[in-house]
Amino acid sequence: MKLIVNGKVIGEVKKGLKLGDIHDEIEKAGVEFGCTDGQCGVCVCTVVRGLECVEEPSEVEEDTLWRIGEYDENRRLTCQMVIKEESCPVLEIKTED
């Protein structure tokens, strides 16, 4: 599956990958990271395409999203998203400008 961040193609991602593990690559596309463990909420993004191919949010991620006022299901913490299947052609995320 192809990963696109803020319009920039990052590359192919495989099942089981946690996007926080490739934060160096994702930061180059304009996503800011803080803690990378789901506590700070700095890396919040909108999943434009491919939400069905990432794991459901963990309890830590859900707590952080609620704490920072992000209630839409397509709003996620970039660092916490894990690829659950590769059937989607694209996972596209964007951050607010």
N, C-alpha and C. Protein backbone atom coordinates (compact mmCIF):
# COMPACT_ATOMS: atom_id res chain seq x y z
N MET A 1 0.85 -1.17 0.00
CA MET A 1 0.00 0.00 0.00
C MET A 1 0.90 1.23 0.00
N LYS A 2 0.51 2.22 -0.78
CA LYS A 2 1.27 3.45 -0.88
C LYS A 2 0.85 4.41 0.24
N LEU A 3 1.84 5.03 0.90
CA LEU A 3 1.57 6.02 1.94
C LEU A 3 1.82 7.42 1.37
N ILE A 4 0.78 8.26 1.46
CA ILE A 4 0.87 9.65 1.02
C ILE A 4 0.59 10.54 2.22
N VAL A 5 1.51 11.47 2.48
CA VAL A 5 1.39 12.37 3.62
C VAL A 5 1.47 13.81 3.11
N ASN A 6 0.41 14.56 3.35
CA ASN A 6 0.35 15.96 2.89
C ASN A 6 0.71 16.09 1.42
N GLY A 7 0.24 15.14 0.62
CA GLY A 7 0.46 15.18 -0.82
C GLY A 7 1.79 14.60 -1.28
N LYS A 8 2.67 14.23 -0.36
CA LYS A 8 3.98 13.68 -0.70
C LYS A 8 3.96 12.17 -0.56
N VAL A 9 4.38 11.46 -1.61
CA VAL A 9 4.45 9.99 -1.56
C VAL A 9 5.65 9.60 -0.71
N ILE A 10 5.38 8.89 0.38
CA ILE A 10 6.43 8.42 1.28
C ILE A 10 6.99 7.10 0.78
N GLY A 11 6.12 6.23 0.27
CA GLY A 11 6.55 4.94 -0.24
C GLY A 11 5.55 3.86 0.11
N GLU A 12 5.96 2.62 -0.06
CA GLU A 12 5.11 1.47 0.24
C GLU A 12 5.21 1.12 1.71
N VAL A 13 4.07 0.77 2.30
CA VAL A 13 4.04 0.34 3.70
C VAL A 13 3.39 -1.05 3.77
N LYS A 14 3.83 -1.82 4.73
CA LYS A 14 3.38 -3.21 4.86
C LYS A 14 2.55 -3.41 6.11
N LYS A 15 1.79 -4.48 6.10
CA LYS A 15 0.98 -4.89 7.25
C LYS A 15 1.86 -4.98 8.50
N GLY A 16 1.33 -4.45 9.61
CA GLY A 16 2.03 -4.50 10.88
C GLY A 16 2.90 -3.29 11.18
N LEU A 17 3.13 -2.43 10.17
CA LEU A 17 3.96 -1.25 10.39
C LEU A 17 3.22 -0.22 11.23
N LYS A 18 3.88 0.29 12.24
CA LYS A 18 3.37 1.40 13.04
C LYS A 18 3.99 2.67 12.48
N LEU A 19 3.15 3.61 12.06
CA LEU A 19 3.66 4.81 11.39
C LEU A 19 4.63 5.59 12.26
N GLY A 20 4.48 5.50 13.57
CA GLY A 20 5.43 6.15 14.46
C GLY A 20 6.85 5.63 14.30
N ASP A 21 6.99 4.40 13.80
CA ASP A 21 8.31 3.82 13.60
C ASP A 21 9.04 4.44 12.40
N ILE A 22 8.30 5.12 11.54
CA ILE A 22 8.94 5.80 10.40
C ILE A 22 8.72 7.31 10.49
N HIS A 23 8.67 7.82 11.72
CA HIS A 23 8.38 9.24 11.91
C HIS A 23 9.40 10.15 11.24
N ASP A 24 10.65 9.72 11.11
CA ASP A 24 11.65 10.56 10.43
C ASP A 24 11.23 10.85 8.99
N GLU A 25 10.74 9.83 8.29
CA GLU A 25 10.28 10.01 6.91
C GLU A 25 9.02 10.88 6.86
N ILE A 26 8.11 10.63 7.77
CA ILE A 26 6.83 11.35 7.78
C ILE A 26 7.03 12.82 8.15
N GLU A 27 7.97 13.10 9.03
CA GLU A 27 8.26 14.49 9.41
C GLU A 27 8.69 15.32 8.20
N LYS A 28 9.39 14.70 7.27
CA LYS A 28 9.84 15.41 6.06
C LYS A 28 8.67 15.89 5.21
N ALA A 29 7.49 15.30 5.42
CA ALA A 29 6.28 15.70 4.69
C ALA A 29 5.44 16.69 5.51
N GLY A 30 5.97 17.15 6.63
CA GLY A 30 5.31 18.20 7.37
C GLY A 30 4.48 17.80 8.58
N VAL A 31 4.60 16.55 9.03
CA VAL A 31 3.89 16.13 10.23
C VAL A 31 4.83 16.32 11.42
N GLU A 32 4.39 17.06 12.41
CA GLU A 32 5.19 17.25 13.61
C GLU A 32 4.92 16.11 14.58
N PHE A 33 5.96 15.68 15.26
CA PHE A 33 5.85 14.64 16.28
C PHE A 33 6.39 15.19 17.58
N GLY A 34 5.81 14.71 18.67
CA GLY A 34 6.31 15.07 20.00
C GLY A 34 6.83 13.82 20.67
N CYS A 35 5.94 13.12 21.35
CA CYS A 35 6.33 11.96 22.16
C CYS A 35 6.44 10.66 21.37
N THR A 36 5.74 10.50 20.30
CA THR A 36 5.60 9.29 19.48
C THR A 36 5.03 8.09 20.23
N ASP A 37 4.46 8.30 21.42
CA ASP A 37 3.82 7.19 22.13
C ASP A 37 2.34 7.43 22.40
N GLY A 38 1.76 8.42 21.72
CA GLY A 38 0.32 8.63 21.79
C GLY A 38 -0.16 9.48 22.94
N GLN A 39 0.73 10.13 23.66
CA GLN A 39 0.34 10.91 24.82
C GLN A 39 0.13 12.39 24.55
N CYS A 40 0.89 12.96 23.60
CA CYS A 40 0.88 14.43 23.46
C CYS A 40 -0.16 14.95 22.47
N GLY A 41 -0.45 14.22 21.42
CA GLY A 41 -1.44 14.67 20.44
C GLY A 41 -0.92 15.60 19.37
N VAL A 42 0.39 15.83 19.33
CA VAL A 42 0.97 16.76 18.36
C VAL A 42 0.79 16.27 16.92
N CYS A 43 0.84 14.97 16.69
CA CYS A 43 0.83 14.42 15.34
C CYS A 43 -0.57 14.10 14.82
N VAL A 44 -1.59 14.75 15.35
CA VAL A 44 -2.95 14.48 14.91
C VAL A 44 -3.09 14.78 13.42
N CYS A 45 -3.82 13.92 12.72
CA CYS A 45 -3.99 14.07 11.28
C CYS A 45 -5.40 13.64 10.89
N THR A 46 -5.74 13.91 9.64
CA THR A 46 -6.97 13.42 9.04
C THR A 46 -6.61 12.30 8.07
N VAL A 47 -7.28 11.17 8.20
CA VAL A 47 -7.09 10.08 7.24
C VAL A 47 -8.04 10.35 6.09
N VAL A 48 -7.48 10.67 4.93
CA VAL A 48 -8.26 11.02 3.75
C VAL A 48 -8.73 9.76 3.03
N ARG A 49 -7.84 8.79 2.90
CA ARG A 49 -8.15 7.51 2.25
C ARG A 49 -7.45 6.38 2.99
N GLY A 50 -8.11 5.24 3.09
CA GLY A 50 -7.49 4.04 3.64
C GLY A 50 -7.73 3.78 5.12
N LEU A 51 -8.67 4.50 5.74
CA LEU A 51 -8.93 4.30 7.16
C LEU A 51 -9.27 2.85 7.48
N GLU A 52 -9.95 2.18 6.56
CA GLU A 52 -10.34 0.79 6.79
C GLU A 52 -9.16 -0.17 6.84
N CYS A 53 -7.98 0.29 6.45
CA CYS A 53 -6.81 -0.58 6.42
C CYS A 53 -5.84 -0.32 7.57
N VAL A 54 -6.27 0.48 8.55
CA VAL A 54 -5.45 0.67 9.76
C VAL A 54 -6.21 0.14 10.97
N GLU A 55 -5.45 -0.29 11.97
CA GLU A 55 -6.04 -0.81 13.20
C GLU A 55 -6.91 0.26 13.86
N GLU A 56 -7.88 -0.18 14.63
CA GLU A 56 -8.69 0.72 15.45
C GLU A 56 -7.78 1.42 16.46
N PRO A 57 -8.15 2.62 16.91
CA PRO A 57 -7.31 3.31 17.89
C PRO A 57 -7.20 2.51 19.20
N SER A 58 -6.02 2.56 19.78
CA SER A 58 -5.83 1.95 21.10
C SER A 58 -6.51 2.82 22.15
N GLU A 59 -6.61 2.30 23.36
CA GLU A 59 -7.21 3.07 24.45
C GLU A 59 -6.41 4.36 24.71
N VAL A 60 -5.09 4.27 24.65
CA VAL A 60 -4.24 5.45 24.86
C VAL A 60 -4.53 6.50 23.78
N GLU A 61 -4.60 6.06 22.53
CA GLU A 61 -4.88 7.00 21.44
C GLU A 61 -6.26 7.61 21.61
N GLU A 62 -7.26 6.80 21.90
CA GLU A 62 -8.61 7.34 22.08
C GLU A 62 -8.65 8.36 23.21
N ASP A 63 -7.99 8.07 24.32
CA ASP A 63 -7.97 9.01 25.44
C ASP A 63 -7.34 10.33 25.03
N THR A 64 -6.23 10.26 24.30
CA THR A 64 -5.56 11.49 23.86
C THR A 64 -6.42 12.27 22.88
N LEU A 65 -7.03 11.57 21.93
CA LEU A 65 -7.89 12.26 20.96
C LEU A 65 -9.05 12.97 21.66
N TRP A 66 -9.67 12.32 22.63
CA TRP A 66 -10.76 12.95 23.37
C TRP A 66 -10.25 14.15 24.17
N ARG A 67 -9.08 14.00 24.78
CA ARG A 67 -8.52 15.07 25.61
C ARG A 67 -8.23 16.32 24.78
N ILE A 68 -7.81 16.13 23.53
CA ILE A 68 -7.48 17.29 22.69
C ILE A 68 -8.66 17.74 21.83
N GLY A 69 -9.82 17.12 22.01
CA GLY A 69 -11.03 17.55 21.32
C GLY A 69 -11.20 17.06 19.90
N GLU A 70 -10.61 15.92 19.58
CA GLU A 70 -10.72 15.33 18.24
C GLU A 70 -11.68 14.15 18.32
N TYR A 71 -12.90 14.33 17.83
CA TYR A 71 -13.94 13.33 18.00
C TYR A 71 -14.32 12.59 16.72
N ASP A 72 -13.88 13.06 15.56
CA ASP A 72 -14.23 12.41 14.29
C ASP A 72 -13.39 11.14 14.11
N GLU A 73 -14.02 10.10 13.58
CA GLU A 73 -13.31 8.82 13.43
C GLU A 73 -12.14 8.89 12.45
N ASN A 74 -12.16 9.85 11.53
CA ASN A 74 -11.05 9.96 10.57
C ASN A 74 -9.90 10.82 11.10
N ARG A 75 -10.02 11.30 12.32
CA ARG A 75 -8.92 12.03 12.98
C ARG A 75 -8.16 11.03 13.83
N ARG A 76 -6.87 10.93 13.59
CA ARG A 76 -6.03 9.93 14.27
C ARG A 76 -4.70 10.54 14.65
N LEU A 77 -3.99 9.86 15.53
CA LEU A 77 -2.62 10.22 15.85
C LEU A 77 -1.73 9.45 14.89
N THR A 78 -0.96 10.17 14.11
CA THR A 78 -0.11 9.53 13.11
C THR A 78 0.81 8.49 13.75
N CYS A 79 1.39 8.83 14.89
CA CYS A 79 2.36 7.93 15.52
C CYS A 79 1.76 6.61 15.97
N GLN A 80 0.45 6.55 16.14
CA GLN A 80 -0.19 5.35 16.68
C GLN A 80 -0.86 4.47 15.62
N MET A 81 -0.93 4.93 14.39
CA MET A 81 -1.60 4.12 13.37
C MET A 81 -0.75 2.92 12.97
N VAL A 82 -1.41 1.77 12.91
CA VAL A 82 -0.76 0.51 12.53
C VAL A 82 -1.50 -0.05 11.32
N ILE A 83 -0.75 -0.43 10.30
CA ILE A 83 -1.34 -1.02 9.10
C ILE A 83 -1.87 -2.41 9.45
N LYS A 84 -3.19 -2.62 9.24
CA LYS A 84 -3.75 -3.95 9.56
C LYS A 84 -3.91 -4.82 8.32
N GLU A 85 -3.97 -4.21 7.16
CA GLU A 85 -4.03 -4.98 5.92
C GLU A 85 -3.56 -4.11 4.76
N GLU A 86 -3.15 -4.77 3.71
CA GLU A 86 -2.58 -4.06 2.56
C GLU A 86 -3.54 -4.01 1.39
N SER A 87 -4.82 -4.27 1.61
CA SER A 87 -5.77 -4.33 0.51
C SER A 87 -6.12 -2.95 -0.06
N CYS A 88 -5.86 -1.90 0.69
CA CYS A 88 -6.10 -0.55 0.19
C CYS A 88 -4.95 -0.15 -0.71
N PRO A 89 -5.23 0.48 -1.84
CA PRO A 89 -4.13 0.90 -2.69
C PRO A 89 -3.34 2.04 -2.08
N VAL A 90 -4.03 2.89 -1.27
CA VAL A 90 -3.39 4.09 -0.72
C VAL A 90 -3.86 4.33 0.71
N LEU A 91 -2.93 4.75 1.55
CA LEU A 91 -3.24 5.35 2.83
C LEU A 91 -2.79 6.79 2.72
N GLU A 92 -3.75 7.71 2.75
CA GLU A 92 -3.42 9.13 2.61
C GLU A 92 -3.85 9.86 3.85
N ILE A 93 -2.89 10.61 4.41
CA ILE A 93 -3.17 11.42 5.59
C ILE A 93 -2.74 12.85 5.33
N LYS A 94 -3.36 13.78 6.06
CA LYS A 94 -2.96 15.18 5.95
C LYS A 94 -3.09 15.83 7.32
N THR A 95 -2.30 16.84 7.51
CA THR A 95 -2.36 17.62 8.75
C THR A 95 -2.92 18.99 8.41
N GLU A 96 -3.38 19.66 9.44
CA GLU A 96 -3.90 21.02 9.26
C GLU A 96 -2.74 21.97 8.97
N ASP A 97 -3.00 22.96 8.15
CA ASP A 97 -1.96 23.97 7.86
C ASP A 97 -2.10 25.12 8.81
